[in-house]
Amino acid sequence: MNTPETLSIWSLIAEASLLVQLVMALLFLASVVSWAMIVQRGMYQHRAAQLVKEFERHFWSGVDLSQLYRQGSGKGGQTEGLENIFRAGFKEFTRLRQQSGVDPDAVMEGVQRAMRVATAREEEKLEAHLPFLASVASVSPYIGLFGTVWGIMNSFRGLANVHQATLATVAPGISEALVATAMGLFAAIPAVLAYNRYSAKAESLTATYETFADEFSAILHRQVHTK
């Protein structure tokens, strides 16, 4: 005889069929990994946004570009975001300017190419792990639904051996099957919310990077055509 205690969540998981348990384990693992990535992405993008503000404030303070470049190289070799784009562009600008007979337009083309590559690399860092969150968000409900369908099939198949079907007979099997759907939603909902938020944040930061690259390119363009 089933009592309310025997229908607890843990007992339903423990008494589920092997396939349903595997589905639950997969969803639990996906949820744990996605939460780890959600926290990591949140910390990284928050830090990236702070570094953007700090570097822009320093860059537009009127500091000499050569001095700014040298200062950046003294931070333990660790640079991020706008500073990477600045260093890539200024390094290429200095290298080409030191070569004799290089056309100013060729200098600017090289600078813009270097900054495009640096911007693309920073964009990849911002969007890291987002495809996994998108996959968890889109696939988890279907995996949970598969476990539910399988559990319900087993419940109705077990009714064939019962002379009189009652709610108490089918309730445990259906309940354990529905746990799989609940776990699928538990894994998917945070993942889809985080994916939407972090994708928008990554797009916003990438636009900031591209705007800075254009502004910095304009500054270097004036320098290369006035000297």
C-alpha atoms as a PDB file:
ATOM      1  CA  MET A   1       0.000   0.000   0.000  1.00  0.00           C
ATOM      2  CA  ASN A   2       1.446   3.362  -1.033  1.00  0.00           C
ATOM      3  CA  THR A   3       1.482   6.145   1.535  1.00  0.00           C
ATOM      4  CA  PRO A   4       2.164   9.824   0.852  1.00  0.00           C
ATOM      5  CA  GLU A   5       5.725   9.323   2.095  1.00  0.00           C
ATOM      6  CA  THR A   6       6.435   6.686  -0.547  1.00  0.00           C
ATOM      7  CA  LEU A   7       5.508   9.203  -3.250  1.00  0.00           C
ATOM      8  CA  SER A   8       8.227  11.655  -2.332  1.00  0.00           C
ATOM      9  CA  ILE A   9      10.431  12.987  -5.122  1.00  0.00           C
ATOM     10  CA  TRP A  10      13.424  10.913  -4.044  1.00  0.00           C
ATOM     11  CA  SER A  11      11.437   7.685  -3.872  1.00  0.00           C
ATOM     12  CA  LEU A  12       9.940   8.338  -7.307  1.00  0.00           C
ATOM     13  CA  ILE A  13      13.430   8.809  -8.759  1.00  0.00           C
ATOM     14  CA  ALA A  14      14.762   5.723  -7.002  1.00  0.00           C
ATOM     15  CA  GLU A  15      11.856   3.542  -8.159  1.00  0.00           C
ATOM     16  CA  ALA A  16      11.838   4.797 -11.753  1.00  0.00           C
ATOM     17  CA  SER A  17      12.886   2.517 -14.587  1.00  0.00           C
ATOM     18  CA  LEU A  18      16.538   2.447 -15.621  1.00  0.00           C
ATOM     19  CA  LEU A  19      15.975   4.451 -18.809  1.00  0.00           C
ATOM     20  CA  VAL A  20      14.034   7.152 -16.959  1.00  0.00           C
ATOM     21  CA  GLN A  21      16.776   7.308 -14.338  1.00  0.00           C
ATOM     22  CA  LEU A  22      19.364   7.754 -17.085  1.00  0.00           C
ATOM     23  CA  VAL A  23      17.287  10.584 -18.547  1.00  0.00           C
ATOM     24  CA  MET A  24      17.066  12.238 -15.124  1.00  0.00           C
ATOM     25  CA  ALA A  25      20.814  11.836 -14.568  1.00  0.00           C
ATOM     26  CA  LEU A  26      21.541  13.398 -17.966  1.00  0.00           C
ATOM     27  CA  LEU A  27      19.256  16.333 -17.251  1.00  0.00           C
ATOM     28  CA  PHE A  28      20.764  16.824 -13.798  1.00  0.00           C
ATOM     29  CA  LEU A  29      24.273  16.826 -15.272  1.00  0.00           C
ATOM     30  CA  ALA A  30      23.221  19.292 -17.976  1.00  0.00           C
ATOM     31  CA  SER A  31      21.679  21.538 -15.327  1.00  0.00           C
ATOM     32  CA  VAL A  32      24.820  21.499 -13.159  1.00  0.00           C
ATOM     33  CA  VAL A  33      27.127  22.251 -16.111  1.00  0.00           C
ATOM     34  CA  SER A  34      24.842  24.982 -17.444  1.00  0.00           C
ATOM     35  CA  TRP A  35      24.674  26.661 -14.017  1.00  0.00           C
ATOM     36  CA  ALA A  36      28.473  26.601 -13.813  1.00  0.00           C
ATOM     37  CA  MET A  37      28.650  28.242 -17.236  1.00  0.00           C
ATOM     38  CA  ILE A  38      25.946  30.762 -16.312  1.00  0.00           C
ATOM     39  CA  VAL A  39      27.973  31.901 -13.292  1.00  0.00           C
ATOM     40  CA  GLN A  40      31.243  31.937 -15.264  1.00  0.00           C
ATOM     41  CA  ARG A  41      29.756  33.891 -18.171  1.00  0.00           C
ATOM     42  CA  GLY A  42      28.130  36.374 -15.820  1.00  0.00           C
ATOM     43  CA  MET A  43      31.413  37.049 -14.032  1.00  0.00           C
ATOM     44  CA  TYR A  44      33.396  37.296 -17.277  1.00  0.00           C
ATOM     45  CA  GLN A  45      31.005  39.674 -19.024  1.00  0.00           C
ATOM     46  CA  HIS A  46      30.675  41.845 -15.916  1.00  0.00           C
ATOM     47  CA  ARG A  47      34.461  42.094 -15.753  1.00  0.00           C
ATOM     48  CA  ALA A  48      34.647  42.827 -19.494  1.00  0.00           C
ATOM     49  CA  ALA A  49      32.157  45.687 -19.107  1.00  0.00           C
ATOM     50  CA  GLN A  50      34.156  47.139 -16.215  1.00  0.00           C
ATOM     51  CA  LEU A  51      37.396  46.933 -18.214  1.00  0.00           C
ATOM     52  CA  VAL A  52      35.730  48.751 -21.123  1.00  0.00           C
ATOM     53  CA  LYS A  53      34.806  51.663 -18.864  1.00  0.00           C
ATOM     54  CA  GLU A  54      38.256  51.796 -17.274  1.00  0.00           C
ATOM     55  CA  PHE A  55      40.173  51.664 -20.545  1.00  0.00           C
ATOM     56  CA  GLU A  56      37.946  54.196 -22.298  1.00  0.00           C
ATOM     57  CA  ARG A  57      38.338  56.601 -19.373  1.00  0.00           C
ATOM     58  CA  HIS A  58      42.121  56.218 -19.552  1.00  0.00           C
ATOM     59  CA  PHE A  59      42.258  56.372 -23.350  1.00  0.00           C
ATOM     60  CA  TRP A  60      40.186  59.546 -23.653  1.00  0.00           C
ATOM     61  CA  SER A  61      42.022  61.280 -20.799  1.00  0.00           C
ATOM     62  CA  GLY A  62      44.563  62.628 -23.305  1.00  0.00           C
ATOM     63  CA  VAL A  63      47.388  60.231 -22.447  1.00  0.00           C
ATOM     64  CA  ASP A  64      50.058  59.773 -25.089  1.00  0.00           C
ATOM     65  CA  LEU A  65      49.344  56.648 -27.173  1.00  0.00           C
ATOM     66  CA  SER A  66      52.911  55.377 -26.953  1.00  0.00           C
ATOM     67  CA  GLN A  67      52.851  55.755 -23.188  1.00  0.00           C
ATOM     68  CA  LEU A  68      49.504  53.984 -22.994  1.00  0.00           C
ATOM     69  CA  TYR A  69      50.895  51.124 -25.066  1.00  0.00           C
ATOM     70  CA  ARG A  70      53.945  50.774 -22.809  1.00  0.00           C
ATOM     71  CA  GLN A  71      51.825  50.898 -19.667  1.00  0.00           C
ATOM     72  CA  GLY A  72      49.634  48.084 -20.958  1.00  0.00           C
ATOM     73  CA  SER A  73      52.600  45.821 -21.565  1.00  0.00           C
ATOM     74  CA  GLY A  74      53.504  46.013 -17.868  1.00  0.00           C
ATOM     75  CA  LYS A  75      50.321  44.368 -16.512  1.00  0.00           C
ATOM     76  CA  GLY A  76      51.656  40.867 -16.298  1.00  0.00           C
ATOM     77  CA  GLY A  77      50.985  40.256 -19.955  1.00  0.00           C
ATOM     78  CA  GLN A  78      47.245  39.947 -19.276  1.00  0.00           C
ATOM     79  CA  THR A  79      45.104  42.262 -21.391  1.00  0.00           C
ATOM     80  CA  GLU A  80      41.425  42.050 -22.276  1.00  0.00           C
ATOM     81  CA  GLY A  81      38.803  43.675 -24.439  1.00  0.00           C
ATOM     82  CA  LEU A  82      39.473  47.162 -25.741  1.00  0.00           C
ATOM     83  CA  GLU A  83      43.089  47.089 -24.627  1.00  0.00           C
ATOM     84  CA  ASN A  84      43.769  44.064 -26.839  1.00  0.00           C
ATOM     85  CA  ILE A  85      42.195  45.867 -29.794  1.00  0.00           C
ATOM     86  CA  PHE A  86      44.163  49.044 -29.057  1.00  0.00           C
ATOM     87  CA  ARG A  87      47.440  47.167 -28.718  1.00  0.00           C
ATOM     88  CA  ALA A  88      46.869  45.191 -31.923  1.00  0.00           C
ATOM     89  CA  GLY A  89      46.135  48.358 -33.902  1.00  0.00           C
ATOM     90  CA  PHE A  90      48.904  50.492 -32.406  1.00  0.00           C
ATOM     91  CA  LYS A  91      51.491  47.715 -32.764  1.00  0.00           C
ATOM     92  CA  GLU A  92      50.693  47.310 -36.450  1.00  0.00           C
ATOM     93  CA  PHE A  93      50.637  51.085 -36.913  1.00  0.00           C
ATOM     94  CA  THR A  94      54.100  51.471 -35.348  1.00  0.00           C
ATOM     95  CA  ARG A  95      55.550  48.558 -37.301  1.00  0.00           C
ATOM     96  CA  LEU A  96      54.342  49.832 -40.668  1.00  0.00           C
ATOM     97  CA  ARG A  97      55.334  53.442 -39.945  1.00  0.00           C
ATOM     98  CA  GLN A  98      58.891  52.297 -39.240  1.00  0.00           C
ATOM     99  CA  GLN A  99      59.148  50.795 -42.714  1.00  0.00           C
ATOM    100  CA  SER A 100      60.309  53.248 -45.351  1.00  0.00           C
ATOM    101  CA  GLY A 101      58.206  53.889 -48.413  1.00  0.00           C
ATOM    102  CA  VAL A 102      54.960  52.483 -47.027  1.00  0.00           C
ATOM    103  CA  ASP A 103      51.908  54.292 -48.361  1.00  0.00           C
ATOM    104  CA  PRO A 104      49.676  55.861 -45.650  1.00  0.00           C
ATOM    105  CA  ASP A 105      46.652  54.046 -47.024  1.00  0.00           C
ATOM    106  CA  ALA A 106      48.538  50.748 -46.756  1.00  0.00           C
ATOM    107  CA  VAL A 107      49.376  51.595 -43.161  1.00  0.00           C
ATOM    108  CA  MET A 108      45.727  52.191 -42.318  1.00  0.00           C
ATOM    109  CA  GLU A 109      44.623  49.057 -44.131  1.00  0.00           C
ATOM    110  CA  GLY A 110      47.045  47.009 -42.050  1.00  0.00           C
ATOM    111  CA  VAL A 111      45.915  48.690 -38.844  1.00  0.00           C
ATOM    112  CA  GLN A 112      42.237  48.080 -39.570  1.00  0.00           C
ATOM    113  CA  ARG A 113      42.908  44.468 -40.467  1.00  0.00           C
ATOM    114  CA  ALA A 114      44.791  43.902 -37.206  1.00  0.00           C
ATOM    115  CA  MET A 115      41.981  45.460 -35.173  1.00  0.00           C
ATOM    116  CA  ARG A 116      39.326  43.403 -36.986  1.00  0.00           C
ATOM    117  CA  VAL A 117      41.187  40.223 -36.070  1.00  0.00           C
ATOM    118  CA  ALA A 118      41.548  41.355 -32.436  1.00  0.00           C
ATOM    119  CA  THR A 119      37.855  42.305 -32.294  1.00  0.00           C
ATOM    120  CA  ALA A 120      36.838  38.896 -33.652  1.00  0.00           C
ATOM    121  CA  ARG A 121      38.921  37.177 -30.976  1.00  0.00           C
ATOM    122  CA  GLU A 122      37.342  39.256 -28.224  1.00  0.00           C
ATOM    123  CA  GLU A 123      33.899  38.468 -29.614  1.00  0.00           C
ATOM    124  CA  GLU A 124      34.697  34.750 -29.430  1.00  0.00           C
ATOM    125  CA  LYS A 125      35.632  35.159 -25.764  1.00  0.00           C
ATOM    126  CA  LEU A 126      32.358  36.945 -25.018  1.00  0.00           C
ATOM    127  CA  GLU A 127      30.292  34.253 -26.746  1.00  0.00           C
ATOM    128  CA  ALA A 128      32.153  31.266 -25.295  1.00  0.00           C
ATOM    129  CA  HIS A 129      29.835  28.549 -23.882  1.00  0.00           C
ATOM    130  CA  LEU A 130      26.718  30.306 -25.177  1.00  0.00           C
ATOM    131  CA  PRO A 131      26.068  27.592 -27.812  1.00  0.00           C
ATOM    132  CA  PHE A 132      26.016  25.006 -25.008  1.00  0.00           C
ATOM    133  CA  LEU A 133      23.436  27.037 -23.075  1.00  0.00           C
ATOM    134  CA  ALA A 134      21.366  27.321 -26.243  1.00  0.00           C
ATOM    135  CA  SER A 135      21.539  23.549 -26.719  1.00  0.00           C
ATOM    136  CA  VAL A 136      20.483  22.867 -23.125  1.00  0.00           C
ATOM    137  CA  ALA A 137      17.636  25.347 -23.450  1.00  0.00           C
ATOM    138  CA  SER A 138      16.291  23.797 -26.640  1.00  0.00           C
ATOM    139  CA  VAL A 139      16.934  20.085 -26.052  1.00  0.00           C
ATOM    140  CA  SER A 140      16.291  19.556 -22.322  1.00  0.00           C
ATOM    141  CA  PRO A 141      12.463  19.772 -22.520  1.00  0.00           C
ATOM    142  CA  TYR A 142      12.422  17.117 -25.259  1.00  0.00           C
ATOM    143  CA  ILE A 143      14.748  14.830 -23.319  1.00  0.00           C
ATOM    144  CA  GLY A 144      12.491  15.217 -20.279  1.00  0.00           C
ATOM    145  CA  LEU A 145       9.426  14.573 -22.429  1.00  0.00           C
ATOM    146  CA  PHE A 146      11.040  11.395 -23.770  1.00  0.00           C
ATOM    147  CA  GLY A 147      11.537  10.174 -20.211  1.00  0.00           C
ATOM    148  CA  THR A 148       7.938  11.036 -19.393  1.00  0.00           C
ATOM    149  CA  VAL A 149       6.540   9.207 -22.404  1.00  0.00           C
ATOM    150  CA  TRP A 150       8.639   6.155 -21.631  1.00  0.00           C
ATOM    151  CA  GLY A 151       7.557   6.152 -17.989  1.00  0.00           C
ATOM    152  CA  ILE A 152       3.874   6.489 -18.875  1.00  0.00           C
ATOM    153  CA  MET A 153       4.212   3.670 -21.416  1.00  0.00           C
ATOM    154  CA  ASN A 154       5.615   1.439 -18.690  1.00  0.00           C
ATOM    155  CA  SER A 155       2.790   2.443 -16.332  1.00  0.00           C
ATOM    156  CA  PHE A 156       0.048   1.528 -18.811  1.00  0.00           C
ATOM    157  CA  ARG A 157       1.870  -1.618 -19.829  1.00  0.00           C
ATOM    158  CA  GLY A 158       1.867  -2.652 -16.160  1.00  0.00           C
ATOM    159  CA  LEU A 159      -1.911  -2.266 -16.075  1.00  0.00           C
ATOM    160  CA  ALA A 160      -2.172  -5.334 -18.269  1.00  0.00           C
ATOM    161  CA  ASN A 161      -1.239  -7.460 -15.255  1.00  0.00           C
ATOM    162  CA  VAL A 162      -3.759  -5.757 -12.947  1.00  0.00           C
ATOM    163  CA  HIS A 163      -7.366  -6.958 -12.779  1.00  0.00           C
ATOM    164  CA  GLN A 164      -8.754  -3.672 -11.480  1.00  0.00           C
ATOM    165  CA  ALA A 165      -7.017  -0.401 -12.382  1.00  0.00           C
ATOM    166  CA  THR A 166      -7.268   2.373  -9.820  1.00  0.00           C
ATOM    167  CA  LEU A 167      -5.685   5.792  -9.447  1.00  0.00           C
ATOM    168  CA  ALA A 168      -3.431   4.407  -6.712  1.00  0.00           C
ATOM    169  CA  THR A 169      -2.154   1.827  -9.183  1.00  0.00           C
ATOM    170  CA  VAL A 170      -1.087   4.210 -11.937  1.00  0.00           C
ATOM    171  CA  ALA A 171      -0.244   7.286  -9.841  1.00  0.00           C
ATOM    172  CA  PRO A 172       3.335   6.250  -8.873  1.00  0.00           C
ATOM    173  CA  GLY A 173       4.324   5.405 -12.440  1.00  0.00           C
ATOM    174  CA  ILE A 174       2.855   8.576 -13.921  1.00  0.00           C
ATOM    175  CA  SER A 175       4.348  10.677 -11.117  1.00  0.00           C
ATOM    176  CA  GLU A 176       7.858   9.366 -11.690  1.00  0.00           C
ATOM    177  CA  ALA A 177       7.429   9.967 -15.410  1.00  0.00           C
ATOM    178  CA  LEU A 178       6.387  13.577 -14.841  1.00  0.00           C
ATOM    179  CA  VAL A 179       9.490  14.147 -12.709  1.00  0.00           C
ATOM    180  CA  ALA A 180      11.536  13.804 -15.905  1.00  0.00           C
ATOM    181  CA  THR A 181       9.544  16.600 -17.551  1.00  0.00           C
ATOM    182  CA  ALA A 182       9.991  18.789 -14.492  1.00  0.00           C
ATOM    183  CA  MET A 183      13.745  18.207 -14.540  1.00  0.00           C
ATOM    184  CA  GLY A 184      13.857  19.033 -18.239  1.00  0.00           C
ATOM    185  CA  LEU A 185      12.148  22.361 -17.596  1.00  0.00           C
ATOM    186  CA  PHE A 186      14.374  22.998 -14.575  1.00  0.00           C
ATOM    187  CA  ALA A 187      17.428  22.632 -16.812  1.00  0.00           C
ATOM    188  CA  ALA A 188      15.996  24.544 -19.780  1.00  0.00           C
ATOM    189  CA  ILE A 189      14.463  27.655 -18.197  1.00  0.00           C
ATOM    190  CA  PRO A 190      17.642  29.074 -16.564  1.00  0.00           C
ATOM    191  CA  ALA A 191      19.648  28.188 -19.683  1.00  0.00           C
ATOM    192  CA  VAL A 192      17.339  30.039 -22.073  1.00  0.00           C
ATOM    193  CA  LEU A 193      17.142  33.097 -19.804  1.00  0.00           C
ATOM    194  CA  ALA A 194      20.926  33.195 -19.425  1.00  0.00           C
ATOM    195  CA  TYR A 195      21.481  32.661 -23.150  1.00  0.00           C
ATOM    196  CA  ASN A 196      19.214  35.560 -24.080  1.00  0.00           C
ATOM    197  CA  ARG A 197      20.784  37.873 -21.504  1.00  0.00           C
ATOM    198  CA  TYR A 198      24.410  36.990 -22.283  1.00  0.00           C
ATOM    199  CA  SER A 199      23.892  37.042 -26.041  1.00  0.00           C
ATOM    200  CA  ALA A 200      22.494  40.567 -25.811  1.00  0.00           C
ATOM    201  CA  LYS A 201      25.360  41.615 -23.528  1.00  0.00           C
ATOM    202  CA  ALA A 202      27.944  40.097 -25.860  1.00  0.00           C
ATOM    203  CA  GLU A 203      26.376  41.882 -28.824  1.00  0.00           C
ATOM    204  CA  SER A 204      26.421  45.175 -26.944  1.00  0.00           C
ATOM    205  CA  LEU A 205      30.072  44.815 -25.931  1.00  0.00           C
ATOM    206  CA  THR A 206      31.045  43.774 -29.459  1.00  0.00           C
ATOM    207  CA  ALA A 207      29.386  46.913 -30.816  1.00  0.00           C
ATOM    208  CA  THR A 208      31.404  48.946 -28.304  1.00  0.00           C
ATOM    209  CA  TYR A 209      34.596  47.245 -29.479  1.00  0.00           C
ATOM    210  CA  GLU A 210      33.799  47.986 -33.114  1.00  0.00           C
ATOM    211  CA  THR A 211      32.960  51.621 -32.345  1.00  0.00           C
ATOM    212  CA  PHE A 212      36.243  52.047 -30.488  1.00  0.00           C
ATOM    213  CA  ALA A 213      38.147  50.460 -33.377  1.00  0.00           C
ATOM    214  CA  ASP A 214      36.562  52.949 -35.789  1.00  0.00           C
ATOM    215  CA  GLU A 215      37.351  55.903 -33.522  1.00  0.00           C
ATOM    216  CA  PHE A 216      40.924  54.762 -32.943  1.00  0.00           C
ATOM    217  CA  SER A 217      41.344  54.194 -36.671  1.00  0.00           C
ATOM    218  CA  ALA A 218      40.230  57.788 -37.290  1.00  0.00           C
ATOM    219  CA  ILE A 219      42.833  59.075 -34.817  1.00  0.00           C
ATOM    220  CA  LEU A 220      45.615  57.094 -36.466  1.00  0.00           C
ATOM    221  CA  HIS A 221      44.388  58.173 -39.901  1.00  0.00           C
ATOM    222  CA  ARG A 222      44.870  61.802 -38.923  1.00  0.00           C
ATOM    223  CA  GLN A 223      48.343  61.065 -37.583  1.00  0.00           C
ATOM    224  CA  VAL A 224      49.541  59.168 -40.620  1.00  0.00           C
ATOM    225  CA  HIS A 225      48.331  61.860 -43.023  1.00  0.00           C
ATOM    226  CA  THR A 226      49.701  64.841 -41.087  1.00  0.00           C
ATOM    227  CA  LYS A 227      53.231  63.614 -40.521  1.00  0.00           C
END
